[in-house]
PDB file of N, CA and C in Angstrom:
ATOM      1  N   MET A   1      84.289 -23.556 155.082  1.00  0.00           N
ATOM      2  CA  MET A   1      83.967 -22.473 154.524  1.00  0.00           C
ATOM      3  C   MET A   1      85.033 -22.008 153.999  1.00  0.00           C
ATOM      4  N   VAL A   2      85.349 -21.428 152.474  1.00  0.00           N
ATOM      5  CA  VAL A   2      86.667 -20.866 152.152  1.00  0.00           C
ATOM      6  C   VAL A   2      86.450 -19.321 152.104  1.00  0.00           C
ATOM      7  N   PRO A   3      87.243 -18.654 152.807  1.00  0.00           N
ATOM      8  CA  PRO A   3      87.520 -17.091 152.615  1.00  0.00           C
ATOM      9  C   PRO A   3      87.408 -16.441 151.301  1.00  0.00           C
ATOM     10  N   ASP A   4      86.694 -15.577 150.852  1.00  0.00           N
ATOM     11  CA  ASP A   4      86.676 -14.787 149.870  1.00  0.00           C
ATOM     12  C   ASP A   4      88.186 -14.225 149.452  1.00  0.00           C
ATOM     13  N   GLY A   5      88.974 -13.804 150.319  1.00  0.00           N
ATOM     14  CA  GLY A   5      89.904 -13.031 150.232  1.00  0.00           C
ATOM     15  C   GLY A   5      91.316 -14.114 149.562  1.00  0.00           C
ATOM     16  N   ASP A   6      92.746 -13.635 149.925  1.00  0.00           N
ATOM     17  CA  ASP A   6      93.703 -14.132 149.513  1.00  0.00           C
ATOM     18  C   ASP A   6      94.039 -15.286 150.847  1.00  0.00           C
ATOM     19  N   ALA A   7      94.921 -16.248 150.442  1.00  0.00           N
ATOM     20  CA  ALA A   7      95.361 -17.173 151.670  1.00  0.00           C
ATOM     21  C   ALA A   7      95.514 -16.617 152.979  1.00  0.00           C
ATOM     22  N   PRO A   8      95.350 -16.913 154.104  1.00  0.00           N
ATOM     23  CA  PRO A   8      95.106 -16.374 155.099  1.00  0.00           C
ATOM     24  C   PRO A   8      96.656 -16.401 155.751  1.00  0.00           C
ATOM     25  N   SER A   9      97.279 -15.523 156.510  1.00  0.00           N
ATOM     26  CA  SER A   9      98.149 -16.064 156.833  1.00  0.00           C
ATOM     27  C   SER A   9      99.633 -15.741 155.699  1.00  0.00           C
ATOM     28  N   GLY A  10      99.183 -15.550 154.590  1.00  0.00           N
ATOM     29  CA  GLY A  10     100.443 -15.508 153.806  1.00  0.00           C
ATOM     30  C   GLY A  10     100.970 -17.044 153.237  1.00  0.00           C
ATOM     31  N   GLY A  11     100.024 -17.894 153.547  1.00  0.00           N
ATOM     32  CA  GLY A  11     100.168 -19.140 153.199  1.00  0.00           C
ATOM     33  C   GLY A  11     100.814 -19.784 151.874  1.00  0.00           C
ATOM     34  N   ALA A  12     100.449 -18.720 150.549  1.00  0.00           N
ATOM     35  CA  ALA A  12     100.779 -18.773 149.284  1.00  0.00           C
ATOM     36  C   ALA A  12     102.218 -18.644 149.342  1.00  0.00           C
ATOM     37  N   ALA A  13     103.119 -17.630 150.258  1.00  0.00           N
ATOM     38  CA  ALA A  13     104.220 -17.834 150.173  1.00  0.00           C
ATOM     39  C   ALA A  13     105.224 -18.513 150.502  1.00  0.00           C
ATOM     40  N   TYR A  14     104.631 -19.817 151.225  1.00  0.00           N
ATOM     41  CA  TYR A  14     105.107 -20.732 152.058  1.00  0.00           C
ATOM     42  C   TYR A  14     104.876 -22.104 151.193  1.00  0.00           C
ATOM     43  N   ALA A  15     104.711 -22.236 149.988  1.00  0.00           N
ATOM     44  CA  ALA A  15     104.359 -23.231 149.455  1.00  0.00           C
ATOM     45  C   ALA A  15     105.830 -24.537 149.468  1.00  0.00           C
ATOM     46  N   GLY A  16     105.393 -25.412 149.687  1.00  0.00           N
ATOM     47  CA  GLY A  16     106.300 -26.854 150.482  1.00  0.00           C
ATOM     48  C   GLY A  16     106.982 -26.938 148.839  1.00  0.00           C
ATOM     49  N   PRO A  17     107.888 -27.690 148.319  1.00  0.00           N
ATOM     50  CA  PRO A  17     108.413 -28.343 146.927  1.00  0.00           C
ATOM     51  C   PRO A  17     107.250 -29.480 146.430  1.00  0.00           C
ATOM     52  N   GLY A  18     106.982 -28.850 145.303  1.00  0.00           N
ATOM     53  CA  GLY A  18     106.045 -29.358 144.470  1.00  0.00           C
ATOM     54  C   GLY A  18     104.335 -29.281 144.895  1.00  0.00           C
ATOM     55  N   GLU A  19     104.548 -27.967 145.613  1.00  0.00           N
ATOM     56  CA  GLU A  19     102.953 -27.793 145.974  1.00  0.00           C
ATOM     57  C   GLU A  19     102.777 -26.542 145.256  1.00  0.00           C
ATOM     58  N   ARG A  20     101.522 -26.364 144.607  1.00  0.00           N
ATOM     59  CA  ARG A  20     101.314 -25.207 143.924  1.00  0.00           C
ATOM     60  C   ARG A  20     100.699 -24.047 144.855  1.00  0.00           C
ATOM     61  N   GLY A  21     100.804 -24.583 146.196  1.00  0.00           N
ATOM     62  CA  GLY A  21     100.219 -23.145 147.427  1.00  0.00           C
ATOM     63  C   GLY A  21      99.039 -23.063 147.729  1.00  0.00           C
ATOM     64  N   LEU A  22      98.880 -22.700 148.852  1.00  0.00           N
ATOM     65  CA  LEU A  22      97.590 -22.088 149.114  1.00  0.00           C
ATOM     66  C   LEU A  22      96.918 -21.411 148.105  1.00  0.00           C
ATOM     67  N   GLY A  23      97.525 -19.943 148.080  1.00  0.00           N
ATOM     68  CA  GLY A  23      96.874 -18.986 147.374  1.00  0.00           C
ATOM     69  C   GLY A  23      96.386 -19.564 145.754  1.00  0.00           C
ATOM     70  N   SER A  24      96.890 -20.608 145.167  1.00  0.00           N
ATOM     71  CA  SER A  24      96.417 -21.121 144.040  1.00  0.00           C
ATOM     72  C   SER A  24      95.264 -22.117 144.143  1.00  0.00           C
ATOM     73  N   LEU A  25      95.172 -22.295 145.077  1.00  0.00           N
ATOM     74  CA  LEU A  25      93.878 -23.384 145.787  1.00  0.00           C
ATOM     75  C   LEU A  25      92.483 -22.104 146.091  1.00  0.00           C
ATOM     76  N   TYR A  26      93.058 -21.476 147.002  1.00  0.00           N
ATOM     77  CA  TYR A  26      91.918 -20.161 147.031  1.00  0.00           C
ATOM     78  C   TYR A  26      91.648 -19.395 145.712  1.00  0.00           C
ATOM     79  N   GLN A  27      92.424 -19.338 144.341  1.00  0.00           N
ATOM     80  CA  GLN A  27      91.954 -18.740 143.410  1.00  0.00           C
ATOM     81  C   GLN A  27      90.948 -19.539 142.622  1.00  0.00           C
ATOM     82  N   GLU A  28      91.356 -20.924 142.805  1.00  0.00           N
ATOM     83  CA  GLU A  28      90.515 -21.686 141.891  1.00  0.00           C
ATOM     84  C   GLU A  28      89.425 -21.867 142.526  1.00  0.00           C
ATOM     85  N   ILE A  29      88.950 -22.108 144.010  1.00  0.00           N
ATOM     86  CA  ILE A  29      88.079 -22.035 144.822  1.00  0.00           C
ATOM     87  C   ILE A  29      87.039 -21.078 144.899  1.00  0.00           C
ATOM     88  N   ARG A  30      87.451 -19.844 144.693  1.00  0.00           N
ATOM     89  CA  ARG A  30      86.958 -18.770 144.000  1.00  0.00           C
ATOM     90  C   ARG A  30      86.423 -18.564 143.075  1.00  0.00           C
ATOM     91  N   ARG A  31      87.007 -19.349 141.736  1.00  0.00           N
ATOM     92  CA  ARG A  31      86.734 -19.517 140.522  1.00  0.00           C
ATOM     93  C   ARG A  31      85.863 -19.850 140.178  1.00  0.00           C
ATOM     94  N   ILE A  32      86.004 -21.250 141.089  1.00  0.00           N
ATOM     95  CA  ILE A  32      84.561 -22.414 141.122  1.00  0.00           C
ATOM     96  C   ILE A  32      83.344 -21.796 141.394  1.00  0.00           C
ATOM     97  N   ARG A  33      83.855 -21.158 142.301  1.00  0.00           N
ATOM     98  CA  ARG A  33      82.539 -20.199 143.423  1.00  0.00           C
ATOM     99  C   ARG A  33      81.574 -19.258 142.450  1.00  0.00           C
ATOM    100  N   GLU A  34      82.581 -18.631 141.303  1.00  0.00           N
ATOM    101  CA  GLU A  34      82.137 -17.664 140.386  1.00  0.00           C
ATOM    102  C   GLU A  34      81.465 -18.540 139.445  1.00  0.00           C
ATOM    103  N   ILE A  35      81.645 -19.495 138.572  1.00  0.00           N
ATOM    104  CA  ILE A  35      80.870 -19.902 137.803  1.00  0.00           C
ATOM    105  C   ILE A  35      79.594 -20.970 138.300  1.00  0.00           C
ATOM    106  N   ALA A  36      79.640 -21.427 139.571  1.00  0.00           N
ATOM    107  CA  ALA A  36      78.641 -21.988 140.318  1.00  0.00           C
ATOM    108  C   ALA A  36      77.120 -20.957 140.526  1.00  0.00           C
ATOM    109  N   GLU A  37      77.599 -19.465 140.676  1.00  0.00           N
ATOM    110  CA  GLU A  37      76.918 -18.541 140.855  1.00  0.00           C
ATOM    111  C   GLU A  37      76.758 -17.797 139.328  1.00  0.00           C
ATOM    112  N   ALA A  38      77.327 -18.052 138.608  1.00  0.00           N
ATOM    113  CA  ALA A  38      77.295 -17.604 136.782  1.00  0.00           C
ATOM    114  C   ALA A  38      75.659 -18.443 136.740  1.00  0.00           C
ATOM    115  N   ARG A  39      76.271 -20.096 136.894  1.00  0.00           N
ATOM    116  CA  ARG A  39      75.573 -21.030 136.600  1.00  0.00           C
ATOM    117  C   ARG A  39      74.017 -20.789 137.143  1.00  0.00           C
ATOM    118  N   ASP A  40      74.048 -20.804 138.222  1.00  0.00           N
ATOM    119  CA  ASP A  40      72.731 -19.974 139.050  1.00  0.00           C
ATOM    120  C   ASP A  40      72.298 -19.344 138.666  1.00  0.00           C
ATOM    121  N   ALA A  41      72.740 -17.782 138.313  1.00  0.00           N
ATOM    122  CA  ALA A  41      71.832 -16.938 137.949  1.00  0.00           C
ATOM    123  C   ALA A  41      71.327 -16.997 136.625  1.00  0.00           C
ATOM    124  N   GLY A  42      72.117 -17.706 135.786  1.00  0.00           N
ATOM    125  CA  GLY A  42      71.484 -18.208 134.432  1.00  0.00           C
ATOM    126  C   GLY A  42      70.267 -19.171 134.622  1.00  0.00           C
ATOM    127  N   GLU A  43      69.938 -19.997 135.155  1.00  0.00           N
ATOM    128  CA  GLU A  43      69.017 -20.852 135.788  1.00  0.00           C
ATOM    129  C   GLU A  43      67.816 -20.054 135.849  1.00  0.00           C
ATOM    130  N   GLY A  44      68.402 -19.131 137.080  1.00  0.00           N
ATOM    131  CA  GLY A  44      67.514 -18.267 137.919  1.00  0.00           C
ATOM    132  C   GLY A  44      66.361 -17.338 136.157  1.00  0.00           C
ATOM    133  N   GLY A  45      67.367 -17.139 135.611  1.00  0.00           N
ATOM    134  CA  GLY A  45      66.859 -16.492 134.312  1.00  0.00           C
ATOM    135  C   GLY A  45      65.814 -17.126 133.499  1.00  0.00           C
ATOM    136  N   ARG A  46      66.287 -18.578 133.177  1.00  0.00           N
ATOM    137  CA  ARG A  46      65.083 -19.138 132.583  1.00  0.00           C
ATOM    138  C   ARG A  46      63.989 -19.500 133.341  1.00  0.00           C
ATOM    139  N   ARG A  47      64.247 -19.887 134.281  1.00  0.00           N
ATOM    140  CA  ARG A  47      63.260 -20.050 135.191  1.00  0.00           C
ATOM    141  C   ARG A  47      62.118 -18.981 135.453  1.00  0.00           C
ATOM    142  N   LEU A  48      62.654 -17.816 135.617  1.00  0.00           N
ATOM    143  CA  LEU A  48      61.709 -16.641 135.311  1.00  0.00           C
ATOM    144  C   LEU A  48      61.205 -16.586 134.202  1.00  0.00           C
ATOM    145  N   VAL A  49      61.721 -17.055 132.999  1.00  0.00           N
ATOM    146  CA  VAL A  49      60.858 -16.699 131.912  1.00  0.00           C
ATOM    147  C   VAL A  49      59.484 -17.664 131.573  1.00  0.00           C
ATOM    148  N   GLU A  50      59.988 -19.309 132.380  1.00  0.00           N
ATOM    149  CA  GLU A  50      58.940 -20.212 131.924  1.00  0.00           C
ATOM    150  C   GLU A  50      57.948 -19.268 133.105  1.00  0.00           C
ATOM    151  N   LEU A  51      58.446 -19.303 134.334  1.00  0.00           N
ATOM    152  CA  LEU A  51      57.368 -19.008 135.103  1.00  0.00           C
ATOM    153  C   LEU A  51      56.300 -17.372 134.825  1.00  0.00           C
ATOM    154  N   THR A  52      56.642 -16.843 133.659  1.00  0.00           N
ATOM    155  CA  THR A  52      56.356 -15.407 133.512  1.00  0.00           C
ATOM    156  C   THR A  52      55.246 -15.953 132.590  1.00  0.00           C
ATOM    157  N   ARG A  53      55.668 -16.982 131.691  1.00  0.00           N
ATOM    158  CA  ARG A  53      55.003 -17.509 130.989  1.00  0.00           C
ATOM    159  C   ARG A  53      53.815 -18.413 131.604  1.00  0.00           C
ATOM    160  N   GLU A  54      53.943 -19.123 132.595  1.00  0.00           N
ATOM    161  CA  GLU A  54      52.954 -19.583 133.307  1.00  0.00           C
ATOM    162  C   GLU A  54      52.203 -18.721 133.787  1.00  0.00           C
ATOM    163  N   VAL A  55      52.582 -18.017 134.408  1.00  0.00           N
ATOM    164  CA  VAL A  55      51.734 -16.201 134.768  1.00  0.00           C
ATOM    165  C   VAL A  55      50.292 -15.901 133.764  1.00  0.00           C
ATOM    166  N   GLU A  56      51.155 -15.894 132.382  1.00  0.00           N
ATOM    167  CA  GLU A  56      50.045 -15.089 131.326  1.00  0.00           C
ATOM    168  C   GLU A  56      49.218 -16.367 131.273  1.00  0.00           C
ATOM    169  N   GLU A  57      49.311 -17.946 130.957  1.00  0.00           N
ATOM    170  CA  GLU A  57      48.765 -18.403 130.621  1.00  0.00           C
ATOM    171  C   GLU A  57      47.579 -18.864 131.507  1.00  0.00           C
ATOM    172  N   LEU A  58      47.636 -18.561 132.918  1.00  0.00           N
ATOM    173  CA  LEU A  58      46.873 -18.644 133.871  1.00  0.00           C
ATOM    174  C   LEU A  58      46.005 -17.557 134.054  1.00  0.00           C
ATOM    175  N   ARG A  59      46.388 -16.322 133.647  1.00  0.00           N
ATOM    176  CA  ARG A  59      45.529 -15.347 133.612  1.00  0.00           C
ATOM    177  C   ARG A  59      44.553 -15.448 132.532  1.00  0.00           C
ATOM    178  N   ALA A  60      45.039 -15.679 131.408  1.00  0.00           N
ATOM    179  CA  ALA A  60      44.249 -16.489 130.348  1.00  0.00           C
ATOM    180  C   ALA A  60      42.960 -17.143 130.657  1.00  0.00           C
ATOM    181  N   THR A  61      43.352 -18.169 130.778  1.00  0.00           N
ATOM    182  CA  THR A  61      42.448 -18.854 131.777  1.00  0.00           C
ATOM    183  C   THR A  61      41.529 -18.364 132.574  1.00  0.00           C
ATOM    184  N   VAL A  62      41.623 -18.177 133.804  1.00  0.00           N
ATOM    185  CA  VAL A  62      40.911 -16.842 134.641  1.00  0.00           C
ATOM    186  C   VAL A  62      40.285 -15.979 133.878  1.00  0.00           C
ATOM    187  N   ALA A  63      40.796 -15.270 133.236  1.00  0.00           N
ATOM    188  CA  ALA A  63      39.675 -14.444 131.874  1.00  0.00           C
ATOM    189  C   ALA A  63      38.810 -15.023 131.251  1.00  0.00           C
ATOM    190  N   ARG A  64      39.561 -16.450 130.632  1.00  0.00           N
ATOM    191  CA  ARG A  64      38.118 -17.267 129.781  1.00  0.00           C
ATOM    192  C   ARG A  64      36.992 -17.709 130.887  1.00  0.00           C
ATOM    193  N   LEU A  65      37.611 -17.978 132.076  1.00  0.00           N
ATOM    194  CA  LEU A  65      36.431 -18.416 133.130  1.00  0.00           C
ATOM    195  C   LEU A  65      35.519 -17.793 133.789  1.00  0.00           C
ATOM    196  N   ARG A  66      36.454 -16.391 133.976  1.00  0.00           N
ATOM    197  CA  ARG A  66      35.735 -15.395 134.510  1.00  0.00           C
ATOM    198  C   ARG A  66      34.052 -14.925 132.797  1.00  0.00           C
ATOM    199  N   GLY A  67      34.946 -15.019 132.110  1.00  0.00           N
ATOM    200  CA  GLY A  67      33.648 -14.817 130.594  1.00  0.00           C
ATOM    201  C   GLY A  67      32.934 -16.105 130.913  1.00  0.00           C
ATOM    202  N   ALA A  68      33.009 -16.737 130.589  1.00  0.00           N
ATOM    203  CA  ALA A  68      32.522 -18.324 130.850  1.00  0.00           C
ATOM    204  C   ALA A  68      31.154 -17.685 132.076  1.00  0.00           C
ATOM    205  N   ALA A  69      31.566 -17.799 133.064  1.00  0.00           N
ATOM    206  CA  ALA A  69      30.579 -17.456 134.231  1.00  0.00           C
ATOM    207  C   ALA A  69      29.865 -16.697 134.112  1.00  0.00           C
ATOM    208  N   THR A  70      30.532 -15.203 133.797  1.00  0.00           N
ATOM    209  CA  THR A  70      29.221 -14.127 133.068  1.00  0.00           C
ATOM    210  C   THR A  70      28.333 -14.544 132.139  1.00  0.00           C
ATOM    211  N   GLY A  71      28.676 -15.116 131.563  1.00  0.00           N
ATOM    212  CA  GLY A  71      28.133 -15.421 130.319  1.00  0.00           C
ATOM    213  C   GLY A  71      26.536 -16.567 130.464  1.00  0.00           C
ATOM    214  N   ALA A  72      26.760 -17.181 131.368  1.00  0.00           N
ATOM    215  CA  ALA A  72      26.347 -18.626 132.352  1.00  0.00           C
ATOM    216  C   ALA A  72      25.358 -18.080 133.236  1.00  0.00           C
ATOM    217  N   ALA A  73      25.593 -16.705 133.885  1.00  0.00           N
ATOM    218  CA  ALA A  73      25.002 -15.962 134.590  1.00  0.00           C
ATOM    219  C   ALA A  73      23.717 -15.038 133.737  1.00  0.00           C
ATOM    220  N   VAL A  74      24.146 -14.891 132.714  1.00  0.00           N
ATOM    221  CA  VAL A  74      23.158 -13.622 131.885  1.00  0.00           C
ATOM    222  C   VAL A  74      22.465 -14.218 130.992  1.00  0.00           C
ATOM    223  N   ARG A  75      22.793 -16.087 131.045  1.00  0.00           N
ATOM    224  CA  ARG A  75      21.595 -16.628 130.298  1.00  0.00           C
ATOM    225  C   ARG A  75      20.508 -17.137 131.320  1.00  0.00           C
ATOM    226  N   ALA A  76      21.019 -17.411 132.387  1.00  0.00           N
ATOM    227  CA  ALA A  76      19.987 -17.544 133.617  1.00  0.00           C
ATOM    228  C   ALA A  76      19.064 -17.203 133.770  1.00  0.00           C
TER     229      ALA A  76
END
């Protein structure tokens, strides 16, 4: 697991030659996590809209079936 904060023990200050440093790595990982969370939130919103539509359709079906059942009972 990658910590949310800066690089532990000041690792970014001791980057070797040709290395970007641990601080940059942690920043990249934090940014990737933010992108993934935003993507999940967007998909969650679409899923909520889809489920809300399905619930409305089911309510209409239940109302139609109740109406048909009541009409059949009245006719009998």
